[in-house]
């Protein structure tokens, strides 16, 4: 039975593969694989999680892999185990030692 605080959330377990476009009102926690488009307020890609496609949200925390396109309107954190490739759009970015980033960086909120 789902808890009340889990309404509007998506949890993808390890070993699960989802294909398609997903709109999540609150939190998306990914330990499996998503192929397609994921949009959520907060996105957490766990160490075993992989996203191939378009990832969009306010806050994105990556411990696993994100490939192709990442867009974060507030904060993007790439943890020490995280790997991000492709076109990256961010307002604020933090990369821990060991984190991998390869692609085109675009600051969507330049301070000029």
C-alpha atoms as a PDB file:
ATOM      1  CA  UNK A   1       0.000   0.000   0.000  1.00  0.00           C
ATOM      2  CA  UNK A   2       1.430   3.369  -1.002  1.00  0.00           C
ATOM      3  CA  UNK A   3       2.134   5.984   1.629  1.00  0.00           C
ATOM      4  CA  UNK A   4       0.433   9.368   1.232  1.00  0.00           C
ATOM      5  CA  UNK A   5       3.805  11.091   0.784  1.00  0.00           C
ATOM      6  CA  UNK A   6       4.534   8.885  -2.232  1.00  0.00           C
ATOM      7  CA  UNK A   7       1.683  10.293  -4.310  1.00  0.00           C
ATOM      8  CA  UNK A   8       2.962  11.840  -7.499  1.00  0.00           C
ATOM      9  CA  UNK A   9       6.247   9.903  -7.266  1.00  0.00           C
ATOM     10  CA  UNK A  10       7.875   7.358  -9.551  1.00  0.00           C
ATOM     11  CA  UNK A  11      10.204   4.649  -8.249  1.00  0.00           C
ATOM     12  CA  UNK A  12      11.939   2.445 -10.825  1.00  0.00           C
ATOM     13  CA  UNK A  13      13.622  -0.529  -9.189  1.00  0.00           C
ATOM     14  CA  UNK A  14      16.882  -2.177 -10.150  1.00  0.00           C
ATOM     15  CA  UNK A  15      16.384  -4.548 -13.084  1.00  0.00           C
ATOM     16  CA  UNK A  16      13.279  -2.687 -14.350  1.00  0.00           C
ATOM     17  CA  UNK A  17      13.371  -1.208 -17.873  1.00  0.00           C
ATOM     18  CA  UNK A  18      10.793   1.431 -18.835  1.00  0.00           C
ATOM     19  CA  UNK A  19      10.433   2.792 -22.363  1.00  0.00           C
ATOM     20  CA  UNK A  20       8.400   5.891 -23.172  1.00  0.00           C
ATOM     21  CA  UNK A  21       7.722   9.419 -21.944  1.00  0.00           C
ATOM     22  CA  UNK A  22       7.071   9.987 -18.242  1.00  0.00           C
ATOM     23  CA  UNK A  23       5.659  13.109 -16.535  1.00  0.00           C
ATOM     24  CA  UNK A  24       6.119  12.927 -12.747  1.00  0.00           C
ATOM     25  CA  UNK A  25       4.648  15.735 -10.587  1.00  0.00           C
ATOM     26  CA  UNK A  26       7.055  15.299  -7.679  1.00  0.00           C
ATOM     27  CA  UNK A  27      10.001  12.887  -7.225  1.00  0.00           C
ATOM     28  CA  UNK A  28      11.414  10.295  -9.635  1.00  0.00           C
ATOM     29  CA  UNK A  29      13.921   7.819  -8.166  1.00  0.00           C
ATOM     30  CA  UNK A  30      15.565   5.617 -10.783  1.00  0.00           C
ATOM     31  CA  UNK A  31      17.548   2.471  -9.944  1.00  0.00           C
ATOM     32  CA  UNK A  32      16.661   0.698 -13.190  1.00  0.00           C
ATOM     33  CA  UNK A  33      16.690   1.893 -16.804  1.00  0.00           C
ATOM     34  CA  UNK A  34      14.560   4.498 -18.574  1.00  0.00           C
ATOM     35  CA  UNK A  35      14.660   4.830 -22.343  1.00  0.00           C
ATOM     36  CA  UNK A  36      12.790   7.921 -23.455  1.00  0.00           C
ATOM     37  CA  UNK A  37      11.822  11.149 -21.745  1.00  0.00           C
ATOM     38  CA  UNK A  38      11.528  11.785 -18.007  1.00  0.00           C
ATOM     39  CA  UNK A  39      10.272  15.060 -16.549  1.00  0.00           C
ATOM     40  CA  UNK A  40       9.909  15.518 -12.779  1.00  0.00           C
ATOM     41  CA  UNK A  41      10.315  18.178 -10.095  1.00  0.00           C
ATOM     42  CA  UNK A  42      13.136  16.229  -8.418  1.00  0.00           C
ATOM     43  CA  UNK A  43      15.070  13.431 -10.083  1.00  0.00           C
ATOM     44  CA  UNK A  44      17.449  11.025  -8.369  1.00  0.00           C
ATOM     45  CA  UNK A  45      19.385   8.618 -10.573  1.00  0.00           C
ATOM     46  CA  UNK A  46      20.732   5.987  -8.188  1.00  0.00           C
ATOM     47  CA  UNK A  47      24.124   4.283  -8.723  1.00  0.00           C
ATOM     48  CA  UNK A  48      22.472   1.439 -10.697  1.00  0.00           C
ATOM     49  CA  UNK A  49      20.164   3.804 -12.608  1.00  0.00           C
ATOM     50  CA  UNK A  50      20.547   4.671 -16.291  1.00  0.00           C
ATOM     51  CA  UNK A  51      18.565   7.132 -18.415  1.00  0.00           C
ATOM     52  CA  UNK A  52      18.893   7.152 -22.218  1.00  0.00           C
ATOM     53  CA  UNK A  53      17.021  10.135 -23.623  1.00  0.00           C
ATOM     54  CA  UNK A  54      15.770  13.450 -22.275  1.00  0.00           C
ATOM     55  CA  UNK A  55      15.914  14.217 -18.558  1.00  0.00           C
ATOM     56  CA  UNK A  56      14.263  17.438 -17.302  1.00  0.00           C
ATOM     57  CA  UNK A  57      13.603  18.741 -13.796  1.00  0.00           C
ATOM     58  CA  UNK A  58      14.205  21.401 -11.166  1.00  0.00           C
ATOM     59  CA  UNK A  59      16.717  19.418  -9.107  1.00  0.00           C
ATOM     60  CA  UNK A  60      18.635  16.487 -10.578  1.00  0.00           C
ATOM     61  CA  UNK A  61      21.009  14.304  -8.540  1.00  0.00           C
ATOM     62  CA  UNK A  62      22.981  11.765 -10.585  1.00  0.00           C
ATOM     63  CA  UNK A  63      24.811   8.805  -9.027  1.00  0.00           C
ATOM     64  CA  UNK A  64      24.313   6.559 -12.073  1.00  0.00           C
ATOM     65  CA  UNK A  65      24.220   7.462 -15.776  1.00  0.00           C
ATOM     66  CA  UNK A  66      22.355  10.029 -17.851  1.00  0.00           C
ATOM     67  CA  UNK A  67      22.870  10.043 -21.617  1.00  0.00           C
ATOM     68  CA  UNK A  68      21.802  12.397 -24.434  1.00  0.00           C
ATOM     69  CA  UNK A  69      20.070  15.415 -22.796  1.00  0.00           C
ATOM     70  CA  UNK A  70      19.882  16.777 -19.230  1.00  0.00           C
ATOM     71  CA  UNK A  71      18.095  20.005 -18.268  1.00  0.00           C
ATOM     72  CA  UNK A  72      17.935  21.261 -14.673  1.00  0.00           C
ATOM     73  CA  UNK A  73      16.260  24.592 -13.854  1.00  0.00           C
ATOM     74  CA  UNK A  74      17.618  24.752 -10.290  1.00  0.00           C
ATOM     75  CA  UNK A  75      20.469  22.393  -9.373  1.00  0.00           C
ATOM     76  CA  UNK A  76      22.368  19.604 -11.082  1.00  0.00           C
ATOM     77  CA  UNK A  77      24.618  17.427  -8.939  1.00  0.00           C
ATOM     78  CA  UNK A  78      26.885  14.780 -10.440  1.00  0.00           C
ATOM     79  CA  UNK A  79      28.069  12.489  -7.650  1.00  0.00           C
ATOM     80  CA  UNK A  80      31.419  10.661  -7.575  1.00  0.00           C
ATOM     81  CA  UNK A  81      29.806   7.600  -9.226  1.00  0.00           C
ATOM     82  CA  UNK A  82      27.827   9.669 -11.755  1.00  0.00           C
ATOM     83  CA  UNK A  83      28.380   9.748 -15.518  1.00  0.00           C
ATOM     84  CA  UNK A  84      26.674  12.329 -17.724  1.00  0.00           C
ATOM     85  CA  UNK A  85      27.069  12.599 -21.493  1.00  0.00           C
ATOM     86  CA  UNK A  86      25.333  14.748 -24.081  1.00  0.00           C
ATOM     87  CA  UNK A  87      23.804  18.205 -23.988  1.00  0.00           C
ATOM     88  CA  UNK A  88      23.661  19.561 -20.415  1.00  0.00           C
ATOM     89  CA  UNK A  89      21.519  22.609 -19.526  1.00  0.00           C
ATOM     90  CA  UNK A  90      21.792  23.866 -15.954  1.00  0.00           C
ATOM     91  CA  UNK A  91      21.288  26.819 -13.607  1.00  0.00           C
ATOM     92  CA  UNK A  92      23.712  25.583 -10.920  1.00  0.00           C
ATOM     93  CA  UNK A  93      26.059  22.613 -11.280  1.00  0.00           C
ATOM     94  CA  UNK A  94      28.159  20.644  -8.802  1.00  0.00           C
ATOM     95  CA  UNK A  95      30.475  17.780  -9.718  1.00  0.00           C
ATOM     96  CA  UNK A  96      31.986  15.624  -6.980  1.00  0.00           C
ATOM     97  CA  UNK A  97      35.533  14.309  -7.348  1.00  0.00           C
ATOM     98  CA  UNK A  98      35.310  11.208  -9.542  1.00  0.00           C
ATOM     99  CA  UNK A  99      32.144  12.314 -11.323  1.00  0.00           C
ATOM    100  CA  UNK A 100      32.268  12.208 -15.137  1.00  0.00           C
ATOM    101  CA  UNK A 101      30.859  14.855 -17.467  1.00  0.00           C
ATOM    102  CA  UNK A 102      31.245  14.780 -21.246  1.00  0.00           C
ATOM    103  CA  UNK A 103      29.250  16.984 -23.569  1.00  0.00           C
ATOM    104  CA  UNK A 104      28.070  20.505 -24.261  1.00  0.00           C
ATOM    105  CA  UNK A 105      27.387  22.729 -21.238  1.00  0.00           C
ATOM    106  CA  UNK A 106      24.763  25.472 -21.401  1.00  0.00           C
ATOM    107  CA  UNK A 107      24.068  27.778 -18.447  1.00  0.00           C
ATOM    108  CA  UNK A 108      20.350  28.587 -18.697  1.00  0.00           C
ATOM    109  CA  UNK A 109      20.564  31.350 -16.108  1.00  0.00           C
ATOM    110  CA  UNK A 110      23.771  33.340 -16.732  1.00  0.00           C
ATOM    111  CA  UNK A 111      24.582  36.054 -14.176  1.00  0.00           C
ATOM    112  CA  UNK A 112      25.166  38.889 -16.617  1.00  0.00           C
END
